[in-house]
Amino acid sequence: MAIAFDYHYATLHYIVTPAVLVWLLVSHPGIYRHERRILVTTTMIGLLGFWLTPVAPPRMLGEHGFVDTMAQFAGYGWWASDASAPRGLGGLTNEFAAMPSLHVGWAIWCGWAMYKYGRHRWTQIAGILYPTSTVIVVMATANHFFLDVVGGALVLLLGAVVVRGAERVVRRKGLDRVARDAELAEAA
């Protein structure tokens, strides 16, 4: 089970997030920019958090009973024993980027988009299962504490609030023709 969780942690955010972005661009071009802005803003806020207050993940606290499954099973995957990055690139990662969990923030963003804009029941179900499984995986692999998970959700919420506010200001000022066109297309 740990190896499957490690693959989920080290792989799916690289696959699902871009796939959802492409899906939105192709299937829902009218809302693509808005949703992309939320994802980018969320990521920028999260990166600012990593820079201002670096926090160690539980996997670095082995003496307190946490097991770093990514390091333990690195031989079974493509990731390095020092990070979920590809072998040889672990030194390029920020090992103290646990709070907020952008794995969770991105997964909730993906899930929300799949649930809200999915035309098929299976897409909506996947929109619930993906963030739920991500929450379980990030804690089970000792990459995040529960508060990191909450932080990821809050950063996403803050990103959405910032984007909505900025888009509202731009619309009021009549500066964003694309946003107006998207609203008209969505209303039609």
Protein backbone atom coordinates (compact mmCIF):
# COMPACT_ATOMS: atom_id res chain seq x y z
CA MET A 1 0.00 0.00 0.00
CA ALA A 2 2.83 2.40 0.85
CA ILE A 3 4.34 2.05 -2.63
CA ALA A 4 1.01 2.85 -4.26
CA PHE A 5 0.66 5.90 -2.01
CA ASP A 6 4.22 6.97 -2.89
CA TYR A 7 3.39 6.76 -6.60
CA HIS A 8 0.24 8.80 -6.01
CA TYR A 9 2.21 11.43 -4.12
CA ALA A 10 5.13 11.60 -6.57
CA THR A 11 3.16 11.35 -9.80
CA LEU A 12 -0.49 12.35 -9.91
CA HIS A 13 -0.12 16.07 -9.27
CA TYR A 14 2.18 16.18 -12.33
CA ILE A 15 -0.45 14.42 -14.43
CA VAL A 16 -3.90 15.36 -13.09
CA THR A 17 -3.37 19.12 -12.71
CA PRO A 18 -2.15 19.71 -16.29
CA ALA A 19 -4.79 17.29 -17.59
CA VAL A 20 -7.54 19.27 -15.86
CA LEU A 21 -6.11 22.52 -17.24
CA VAL A 22 -6.11 21.10 -20.79
CA TRP A 23 -9.60 19.66 -20.29
CA LEU A 24 -10.90 23.06 -19.16
CA LEU A 25 -9.23 24.79 -22.10
CA VAL A 26 -10.74 22.38 -24.61
CA SER A 27 -14.15 21.69 -23.04
CA HIS A 28 -14.84 24.94 -21.18
CA PRO A 29 -12.81 27.72 -22.80
CA GLY A 30 -15.06 30.41 -21.31
CA ILE A 31 -14.03 29.62 -17.74
CA TYR A 32 -10.49 28.40 -18.41
CA ARG A 33 -8.80 31.75 -17.71
CA HIS A 34 -10.68 32.25 -14.45
CA GLU A 35 -9.85 28.77 -13.17
CA ARG A 36 -6.23 29.03 -14.32
CA ARG A 37 -5.89 32.34 -12.50
CA ILE A 38 -7.10 30.70 -9.30
CA LEU A 39 -4.54 27.89 -9.65
CA VAL A 40 -1.67 30.30 -10.39
CA THR A 41 -2.63 32.67 -7.56
CA THR A 42 -2.94 29.77 -5.13
CA THR A 43 0.51 28.52 -6.15
CA MET A 44 2.05 31.98 -5.74
CA ILE A 45 0.54 32.38 -2.26
CA GLY A 46 1.79 28.90 -1.32
CA LEU A 47 5.30 29.67 -2.58
CA LEU A 48 5.28 32.89 -0.58
CA GLY A 49 4.33 30.84 2.49
CA PHE A 50 7.21 28.41 1.88
CA TRP A 51 9.62 31.33 1.61
CA LEU A 52 8.37 33.24 4.64
CA THR A 53 7.87 30.33 7.04
CA PRO A 54 9.64 27.11 6.02
CA VAL A 55 8.15 24.12 7.84
CA ALA A 56 9.62 20.62 7.98
CA PRO A 57 7.38 17.73 6.96
CA PRO A 58 6.74 14.87 9.39
CA ARG A 59 8.97 12.54 7.33
CA MET A 60 11.95 14.43 8.75
CA LEU A 61 10.90 13.48 12.28
CA GLY A 62 11.71 9.77 12.21
CA GLU A 63 12.80 9.81 15.85
CA HIS A 64 9.19 10.68 16.72
CA GLY A 65 7.74 7.64 14.97
CA PHE A 66 7.08 9.03 11.49
CA VAL A 67 8.12 6.80 8.56
CA ASP A 68 9.40 8.42 5.38
CA THR A 69 7.84 5.99 2.92
CA MET A 70 9.25 7.88 -0.06
CA ALA A 71 12.81 7.25 1.19
CA GLN A 72 12.01 3.71 2.36
CA PHE A 73 10.67 2.66 -1.06
CA ALA A 74 12.73 4.92 -3.35
CA GLY A 75 14.12 1.81 -5.04
CA TYR A 76 10.65 0.95 -6.33
CA GLY A 77 9.94 4.33 -7.94
CA TRP A 78 11.43 7.07 -10.05
CA TRP A 79 11.76 9.48 -7.12
CA ALA A 80 14.86 10.11 -5.03
CA SER A 81 15.27 9.06 -1.42
CA ASP A 82 15.67 12.70 -0.34
CA ALA A 83 12.53 14.07 -2.02
CA SER A 84 9.67 13.20 -4.34
CA ALA A 85 11.71 14.74 -7.17
CA PRO A 86 13.30 12.53 -9.84
CA ARG A 87 16.54 10.83 -8.84
CA GLY A 88 19.45 13.25 -8.86
CA LEU A 89 17.19 16.31 -8.57
CA GLY A 90 16.35 16.11 -4.87
CA GLY A 91 18.77 18.95 -4.16
CA LEU A 92 16.64 21.25 -6.30
CA THR A 93 13.61 20.87 -4.07
CA ASN A 94 12.68 22.81 -0.97
CA GLU A 95 12.65 20.19 1.76
CA PHE A 96 10.91 22.66 4.09
CA ALA A 97 7.89 23.29 1.89
CA ALA A 98 5.29 21.41 3.89
CA MET A 99 2.96 24.26 4.87
CA PRO A 100 0.68 24.76 3.05
CA SER A 101 0.28 21.51 1.15
CA LEU A 102 0.04 22.53 -2.48
CA HIS A 103 -0.52 18.86 -3.32
CA VAL A 104 -3.81 19.25 -1.46
CA GLY A 105 -4.56 22.76 -2.76
CA TRP A 106 -4.06 21.65 -6.35
CA ALA A 107 -6.01 18.43 -5.80
CA ILE A 108 -8.99 20.32 -4.37
CA TRP A 109 -8.78 22.75 -7.29
CA CYS A 110 -8.80 19.79 -9.72
CA GLY A 111 -11.63 18.11 -7.85
CA TRP A 112 -13.71 21.27 -7.76
CA ALA A 113 -13.28 21.82 -11.51
CA MET A 114 -14.08 18.18 -12.32
CA TYR A 115 -17.14 18.19 -10.09
CA LYS A 116 -18.46 21.58 -11.15
CA TYR A 117 -17.81 21.38 -14.90
CA GLY A 118 -17.92 17.62 -15.46
CA ARG A 119 -20.74 16.53 -17.72
CA HIS A 120 -20.53 12.88 -16.73
CA ARG A 121 -21.17 11.31 -13.37
CA TRP A 122 -17.80 9.53 -13.40
CA THR A 123 -16.02 12.90 -13.81
CA GLN A 124 -17.85 14.25 -10.79
CA ILE A 125 -17.06 11.14 -8.76
CA ALA A 126 -13.38 11.47 -9.73
CA GLY A 127 -13.65 15.09 -8.62
CA ILE A 128 -14.48 13.86 -5.14
CA LEU A 129 -12.12 10.87 -5.02
CA TYR A 130 -8.96 12.62 -6.22
CA PRO A 131 -8.71 15.30 -3.49
CA THR A 132 -9.92 12.84 -0.85
CA SER A 133 -7.25 10.30 -1.78
CA THR A 134 -4.63 13.06 -1.93
CA VAL A 135 -5.42 14.15 1.63
CA ILE A 136 -5.00 10.56 2.81
CA VAL A 137 -1.81 10.02 0.81
CA VAL A 138 0.04 13.19 1.87
CA MET A 139 -0.44 12.29 5.53
CA ALA A 140 0.13 8.53 5.14
CA THR A 141 3.47 9.14 3.38
CA ALA A 142 4.51 11.53 6.19
CA ASN A 143 4.91 14.40 3.76
CA HIS A 144 2.36 16.62 5.51
CA PHE A 145 0.68 17.14 8.84
CA PHE A 146 -3.08 17.64 8.99
CA LEU A 147 -2.58 21.39 9.48
CA ASP A 148 -0.59 21.46 6.21
CA VAL A 149 -3.65 19.95 4.54
CA VAL A 150 -5.88 22.62 6.08
CA GLY A 151 -3.35 25.23 4.97
CA GLY A 152 -3.53 23.94 1.39
CA ALA A 153 -7.31 24.26 1.38
CA LEU A 154 -7.14 27.75 2.90
CA VAL A 155 -4.55 28.93 0.37
CA LEU A 156 -6.84 27.72 -2.42
CA LEU A 157 -9.75 29.57 -0.86
CA LEU A 158 -7.66 32.73 -0.51
CA GLY A 159 -6.49 32.37 -4.13
CA ALA A 160 -10.10 32.12 -5.30
CA VAL A 161 -11.13 35.17 -3.24
CA VAL A 162 -8.22 37.23 -4.59
CA VAL A 163 -8.98 36.26 -8.19
CA ARG A 164 -12.70 36.94 -7.87
CA GLY A 165 -12.01 40.32 -6.30
CA ALA A 166 -9.46 41.28 -8.94
CA GLU A 167 -11.76 40.15 -11.76
CA ARG A 168 -14.62 42.15 -10.25
CA VAL A 169 -12.49 45.30 -10.13
CA VAL A 170 -11.31 44.79 -13.71
CA ARG A 171 -14.89 44.23 -14.92
CA ARG A 172 -16.12 47.32 -13.11
CA LYS A 173 -13.45 49.39 -14.78
CA GLY A 174 -14.30 47.78 -18.14
CA LEU A 175 -10.70 46.73 -18.69
CA ASP A 176 -11.09 43.03 -19.36
CA ARG A 177 -12.81 42.43 -22.69
CA VAL A 178 -12.00 38.71 -22.48
CA ALA A 179 -13.69 38.37 -19.07
CA ARG A 180 -16.79 40.16 -20.38
CA ASP A 181 -16.86 37.91 -23.45
CA ALA A 182 -16.52 34.84 -21.21
CA GLU A 183 -19.39 36.01 -19.00
CA LEU A 184 -21.58 36.59 -22.04
CA ALA A 185 -20.69 33.15 -23.44
CA GLU A 186 -21.44 31.50 -20.10
CA ALA A 187 -24.77 33.31 -19.79
CA ALA A 188 -25.84 32.28 -23.30
